[in-house]
């Protein structure tokens, strides 16, 4: 979202029925989201307890003494007392660049081991700032490394996963250990991925389009439903109220076993 777009987006999403908001400090919109949430609470649209708010620790905030400050900084921006879930955004430590200026691009590597950052994350649960903690963009070996050392088990691994990138080993590893998997690009990244990486989108795949036509649904709804039936939580992104309504309307139909097999065969 662009500045000024975020608050109306949050309000429209709440009106459409969304209750889980996936946020991150590096997105640079926490204060605007905080204003929207305050408006929603003040107007009685929802209560804090009805929402599930996810935040993320940025790469430049991995140092042990910075982790609690970064979490508190984000909560202050959002005008909230706690996160339902707080994630390590990437398994990469960069040197601290200030809480108000998360580094990007020409950043220098830091020297804080991931397990030390995780121990600081565990402290956030103990202090009540976060109800659950997890990770994002962790591959299989780092996931195993973490689960064998964690005192508080990661609740979630948020990853890129969709019909063209199914990551079965990683998904199965997490789900078999009761670690939830959430998909931050459940539609394959759409036009943004196509433009930036010249990647082909599953939204236009003939198999997906054919299944969508059979159910009277959109290709996007089929892709979201496919992930849900794999046991993966989906995090679709949109600024358009019509698309928000479409993306949440995925519980009134079910893909058949044959359709699931056809979609599974699309993995690249």
Protein backbone atom coordinates (compact mmCIF):
# COMPACT_ATOMS: atom_id res chain seq x y z
CA UNK A 1 0.00 0.00 0.00
CA UNK A 2 1.06 3.57 -0.62
CA UNK A 3 0.96 6.15 2.20
CA UNK A 4 -2.63 7.24 2.75
CA UNK A 5 -3.99 3.97 1.32
CA UNK A 6 -3.29 1.86 4.36
CA UNK A 7 -5.94 3.08 6.82
CA UNK A 8 -8.88 2.66 4.41
CA UNK A 9 -7.49 -0.77 3.45
CA UNK A 10 -7.54 -1.91 7.08
CA UNK A 11 -11.07 -0.62 7.63
CA UNK A 12 -12.30 -2.22 4.39
CA UNK A 13 -10.64 -5.52 5.32
CA UNK A 14 -12.35 -5.49 8.74
CA UNK A 15 -15.70 -4.81 7.05
CA UNK A 16 -15.07 -7.73 4.67
CA UNK A 17 -14.58 -10.02 7.68
CA UNK A 18 -10.81 -10.25 7.98
CA UNK A 19 -9.44 -10.63 11.52
CA UNK A 20 -5.81 -11.65 10.91
CA UNK A 21 -3.43 -8.86 9.88
CA UNK A 22 0.10 -9.73 8.82
CA UNK A 23 2.38 -6.75 9.47
CA UNK A 24 6.12 -5.96 9.50
CA UNK A 25 8.23 -3.06 10.70
CA UNK A 26 10.11 -2.83 7.40
CA UNK A 27 6.86 -2.18 5.49
CA UNK A 28 6.97 1.32 6.97
CA UNK A 29 3.23 1.60 7.65
CA UNK A 30 2.83 0.58 11.29
CA UNK A 31 1.76 4.05 12.49
CA UNK A 32 -0.93 4.33 9.84
CA UNK A 33 -2.21 0.86 10.65
CA UNK A 34 -2.22 1.82 14.34
CA UNK A 35 -4.49 4.78 13.57
CA UNK A 36 -6.88 2.54 11.63
CA UNK A 37 -6.99 -0.04 14.42
CA UNK A 38 -7.63 2.68 17.01
CA UNK A 39 -10.52 3.95 14.87
CA UNK A 40 -11.94 0.42 14.59
CA UNK A 41 -11.69 -0.11 18.36
CA UNK A 42 -13.15 3.34 19.16
CA UNK A 43 -16.08 2.80 16.82
CA UNK A 44 -16.79 -0.66 18.25
CA UNK A 45 -16.17 -2.34 14.90
CA UNK A 46 -14.02 -5.02 16.59
CA UNK A 47 -12.26 -5.59 19.90
CA UNK A 48 -8.52 -6.26 20.21
CA UNK A 49 -9.28 -9.79 21.37
CA UNK A 50 -11.11 -10.53 18.10
CA UNK A 51 -8.01 -9.75 16.05
CA UNK A 52 -4.89 -11.79 15.39
CA UNK A 53 -1.97 -9.43 14.77
CA UNK A 54 1.35 -10.68 13.42
CA UNK A 55 4.49 -8.52 13.53
CA UNK A 56 8.03 -9.14 12.30
CA UNK A 57 11.53 -8.42 13.56
CA UNK A 58 13.63 -6.89 10.77
CA UNK A 59 17.15 -8.04 9.81
CA UNK A 60 18.81 -4.95 11.30
CA UNK A 61 17.25 -5.60 14.73
CA UNK A 62 18.69 -9.08 15.45
CA UNK A 63 21.06 -8.00 18.24
CA UNK A 64 19.97 -9.48 21.56
CA UNK A 65 19.53 -6.16 23.34
CA UNK A 66 17.71 -4.64 20.34
CA UNK A 67 15.04 -7.37 19.96
CA UNK A 68 12.81 -6.23 22.88
CA UNK A 69 13.26 -2.59 21.87
CA UNK A 70 12.27 -3.35 18.26
CA UNK A 71 9.17 -5.25 19.38
CA UNK A 72 8.15 -2.47 21.79
CA UNK A 73 8.79 0.13 19.05
CA UNK A 74 6.43 -1.67 16.66
CA UNK A 75 3.76 -2.12 19.33
CA UNK A 76 4.00 1.58 20.17
CA UNK A 77 3.60 2.48 16.48
CA UNK A 78 0.54 0.22 16.29
CA UNK A 79 -0.89 1.47 19.62
CA UNK A 80 -1.10 -2.14 20.82
CA UNK A 81 -0.04 -3.89 24.03
CA UNK A 82 0.97 -7.24 22.53
CA UNK A 83 1.43 -9.24 19.33
CA UNK A 84 -0.46 -12.50 18.86
CA UNK A 85 2.50 -13.69 16.80
CA UNK A 86 5.95 -12.15 16.25
CA UNK A 87 8.29 -13.53 13.61
CA UNK A 88 11.96 -13.27 12.69
CA UNK A 89 11.42 -11.81 9.20
CA UNK A 90 14.47 -13.42 7.55
CA UNK A 91 17.23 -15.71 8.87
CA UNK A 92 19.77 -12.95 8.17
CA UNK A 93 21.42 -10.62 10.72
CA UNK A 94 22.47 -7.15 9.55
CA UNK A 95 24.10 -4.41 11.58
CA UNK A 96 21.65 -2.23 13.47
CA UNK A 97 20.70 0.98 11.64
CA UNK A 98 18.25 2.47 14.16
CA UNK A 99 14.69 1.54 15.06
CA UNK A 100 13.23 4.30 12.90
CA UNK A 101 15.43 3.46 9.91
CA UNK A 102 15.45 -0.28 9.17
CA UNK A 103 18.30 -0.93 6.74
CA UNK A 104 17.71 -2.26 3.25
CA UNK A 105 19.96 -2.85 0.27
CA UNK A 106 23.58 -1.98 1.07
CA UNK A 107 23.43 -3.40 4.59
CA UNK A 108 26.39 -4.90 6.43
CA UNK A 109 26.14 -8.38 7.90
CA UNK A 110 25.90 -8.52 11.68
CA UNK A 111 27.42 -11.23 13.86
CA UNK A 112 24.49 -12.23 16.08
CA UNK A 113 23.83 -15.99 15.76
CA UNK A 114 20.22 -16.84 14.91
CA UNK A 115 19.82 -18.89 18.09
CA UNK A 116 20.79 -15.85 20.20
CA UNK A 117 18.14 -13.78 18.46
CA UNK A 118 15.67 -16.60 19.12
CA UNK A 119 16.52 -16.62 22.83
CA UNK A 120 15.69 -12.89 22.88
CA UNK A 121 12.41 -13.69 21.08
CA UNK A 122 11.63 -16.25 23.80
CA UNK A 123 12.07 -13.45 26.32
CA UNK A 124 9.27 -11.52 24.58
CA UNK A 125 6.85 -14.34 25.36
CA UNK A 126 8.00 -14.45 28.97
CA UNK A 127 7.50 -10.67 29.30
CA UNK A 128 4.01 -10.81 27.76
CA UNK A 129 4.80 -8.68 24.67
CA UNK A 130 4.08 -11.63 22.37
CA UNK A 131 1.69 -14.55 22.80
CA UNK A 132 3.54 -16.69 20.24
CA UNK A 133 6.78 -16.43 18.29
CA UNK A 134 7.90 -17.89 14.99
CA UNK A 135 10.00 -17.36 11.89
CA UNK A 136 9.63 -16.38 8.26
CA UNK A 137 11.52 -17.48 5.14
CA UNK A 138 13.35 -20.26 6.99
CA UNK A 139 14.47 -23.20 4.79
CA UNK A 140 14.37 -26.79 6.02
CA UNK A 141 17.87 -27.07 7.54
CA UNK A 142 17.57 -23.82 9.49
CA UNK A 143 14.10 -24.88 10.62
CA UNK A 144 15.50 -28.15 11.97
CA UNK A 145 18.40 -26.31 13.59
CA UNK A 146 15.94 -24.05 15.40
CA UNK A 147 13.46 -26.72 16.51
CA UNK A 148 16.24 -28.80 18.09
CA UNK A 149 17.52 -25.83 20.14
CA UNK A 150 14.41 -23.79 20.91
CA UNK A 151 13.06 -23.74 24.46
CA UNK A 152 9.84 -22.17 23.13
CA UNK A 153 9.03 -23.96 19.89
CA UNK A 154 8.37 -21.76 16.84
CA UNK A 155 4.61 -21.52 16.31
CA UNK A 156 4.88 -20.69 12.61
CA UNK A 157 7.08 -20.54 9.54
CA UNK A 158 5.80 -17.98 7.04
CA UNK A 159 7.18 -18.77 3.58
CA UNK A 160 6.68 -18.36 -0.13
CA UNK A 161 4.58 -21.35 -1.13
CA UNK A 162 2.02 -21.72 -3.92
CA UNK A 163 1.01 -24.04 -6.76
CA UNK A 164 4.24 -23.39 -8.69
CA UNK A 165 6.49 -23.62 -5.60
CA UNK A 166 5.03 -26.24 -3.28
CA UNK A 167 7.99 -27.03 -0.98
CA UNK A 168 6.52 -30.31 0.18
CA UNK A 169 9.47 -31.36 2.37
CA UNK A 170 9.51 -28.07 4.28
CA UNK A 171 5.73 -27.93 4.64
CA UNK A 172 5.56 -31.54 5.83
CA UNK A 173 8.44 -31.00 8.27
CA UNK A 174 6.67 -28.05 9.87
CA UNK A 175 3.17 -29.56 9.96
CA UNK A 176 4.47 -32.88 11.37
CA UNK A 177 5.92 -30.89 14.30
CA UNK A 178 2.75 -28.87 14.83
CA UNK A 179 4.40 -25.73 13.44
CA UNK A 180 1.89 -23.83 11.34
CA UNK A 181 2.81 -22.81 7.81
CA UNK A 182 1.52 -19.55 6.37
CA UNK A 183 1.89 -18.52 2.73
CA UNK A 184 2.89 -14.90 2.13
CA UNK A 185 2.49 -15.26 -1.65
CA UNK A 186 -0.36 -17.81 -2.00
CA UNK A 187 -1.26 -16.51 -5.48
CA UNK A 188 2.31 -16.83 -6.78
CA UNK A 189 3.14 -13.17 -6.39
CA UNK A 190 0.78 -12.14 -9.19
CA UNK A 191 1.70 -9.21 -11.43
CA UNK A 192 4.45 -8.01 -9.06
CA UNK A 193 6.47 -11.24 -9.38
CA UNK A 194 5.86 -11.35 -13.12
CA UNK A 195 7.11 -7.79 -13.51
CA UNK A 196 10.08 -7.97 -11.12
CA UNK A 197 11.38 -11.48 -11.76
CA UNK A 198 9.78 -12.32 -15.10
CA UNK A 199 8.09 -15.20 -13.22
CA UNK A 200 5.10 -17.01 -14.65
CA UNK A 201 1.97 -16.68 -12.50
CA UNK A 202 -0.19 -19.71 -11.67
CA UNK A 203 -3.22 -17.40 -11.96
CA UNK A 204 -3.07 -17.86 -15.72
CA UNK A 205 -2.32 -21.60 -15.69
CA UNK A 206 -4.84 -23.55 -17.84
CA UNK A 207 -5.23 -26.22 -15.14
CA UNK A 208 -6.08 -23.59 -12.50
CA UNK A 209 -8.41 -21.72 -14.88
CA UNK A 210 -10.19 -24.96 -15.82
CA UNK A 211 -10.80 -25.93 -12.19
CA UNK A 212 -12.02 -22.39 -11.46
CA UNK A 213 -14.54 -22.56 -14.30
CA UNK A 214 -15.79 -25.95 -13.05
CA UNK A 215 -16.54 -24.46 -9.62
CA UNK A 216 -17.75 -21.05 -10.80
CA UNK A 217 -14.86 -19.46 -8.89
CA UNK A 218 -11.88 -17.30 -9.82
CA UNK A 219 -8.37 -18.68 -10.39
CA UNK A 220 -7.27 -16.85 -7.23
CA UNK A 221 -9.94 -18.55 -5.14
CA UNK A 222 -8.83 -21.96 -6.43
CA UNK A 223 -5.19 -21.25 -5.52
CA UNK A 224 -6.15 -20.08 -2.04
CA UNK A 225 -8.39 -23.11 -1.53
CA UNK A 226 -5.58 -25.42 -2.68
CA UNK A 227 -3.24 -24.11 0.01
CA UNK A 228 -5.95 -24.27 2.67
CA UNK A 229 -6.63 -27.93 1.85
CA UNK A 230 -2.88 -28.58 2.20
CA UNK A 231 -3.13 -27.26 5.77
CA UNK A 232 -1.45 -23.94 4.95
CA UNK A 233 -2.76 -20.57 6.18
CA UNK A 234 -2.98 -18.02 3.37
CA UNK A 235 -2.12 -14.30 3.45
CA UNK A 236 -3.51 -12.73 0.28
CA UNK A 237 -2.74 -9.05 -0.24
CA UNK A 238 -5.10 -6.57 -1.88
CA UNK A 239 -6.11 -2.92 -1.66
CA UNK A 240 -9.37 -3.47 -3.57
CA UNK A 241 -12.53 -4.18 -1.54
CA UNK A 242 -13.92 -6.37 -4.34
CA UNK A 243 -10.81 -8.51 -4.33
CA UNK A 244 -10.77 -8.67 -0.51
CA UNK A 245 -14.33 -10.04 -0.58
CA UNK A 246 -13.37 -12.58 -3.25
CA UNK A 247 -10.26 -13.76 -1.39
CA UNK A 248 -12.18 -14.50 1.81
CA UNK A 249 -14.97 -16.34 -0.04
CA UNK A 250 -13.11 -19.65 -0.18
CA UNK A 251 -14.94 -21.72 2.42
CA UNK A 252 -18.09 -22.58 0.44
CA UNK A 253 -16.49 -25.08 -1.93
CA UNK A 254 -13.99 -27.92 -1.84
CA UNK A 255 -11.49 -29.18 -4.38
CA UNK A 256 -11.80 -32.87 -5.26
CA UNK A 257 -8.99 -35.36 -4.79
CA UNK A 258 -8.41 -35.35 -8.56
CA UNK A 259 -8.26 -31.56 -8.66
CA UNK A 260 -5.78 -31.53 -5.77
CA UNK A 261 -3.59 -34.02 -7.69
CA UNK A 262 -3.76 -31.88 -10.84
CA UNK A 263 -2.69 -28.81 -8.89
CA UNK A 264 0.07 -30.71 -7.10
CA UNK A 265 1.50 -31.65 -10.52
CA UNK A 266 2.04 -27.94 -11.31
CA UNK A 267 5.01 -27.73 -8.93
CA UNK A 268 8.06 -26.36 -10.78
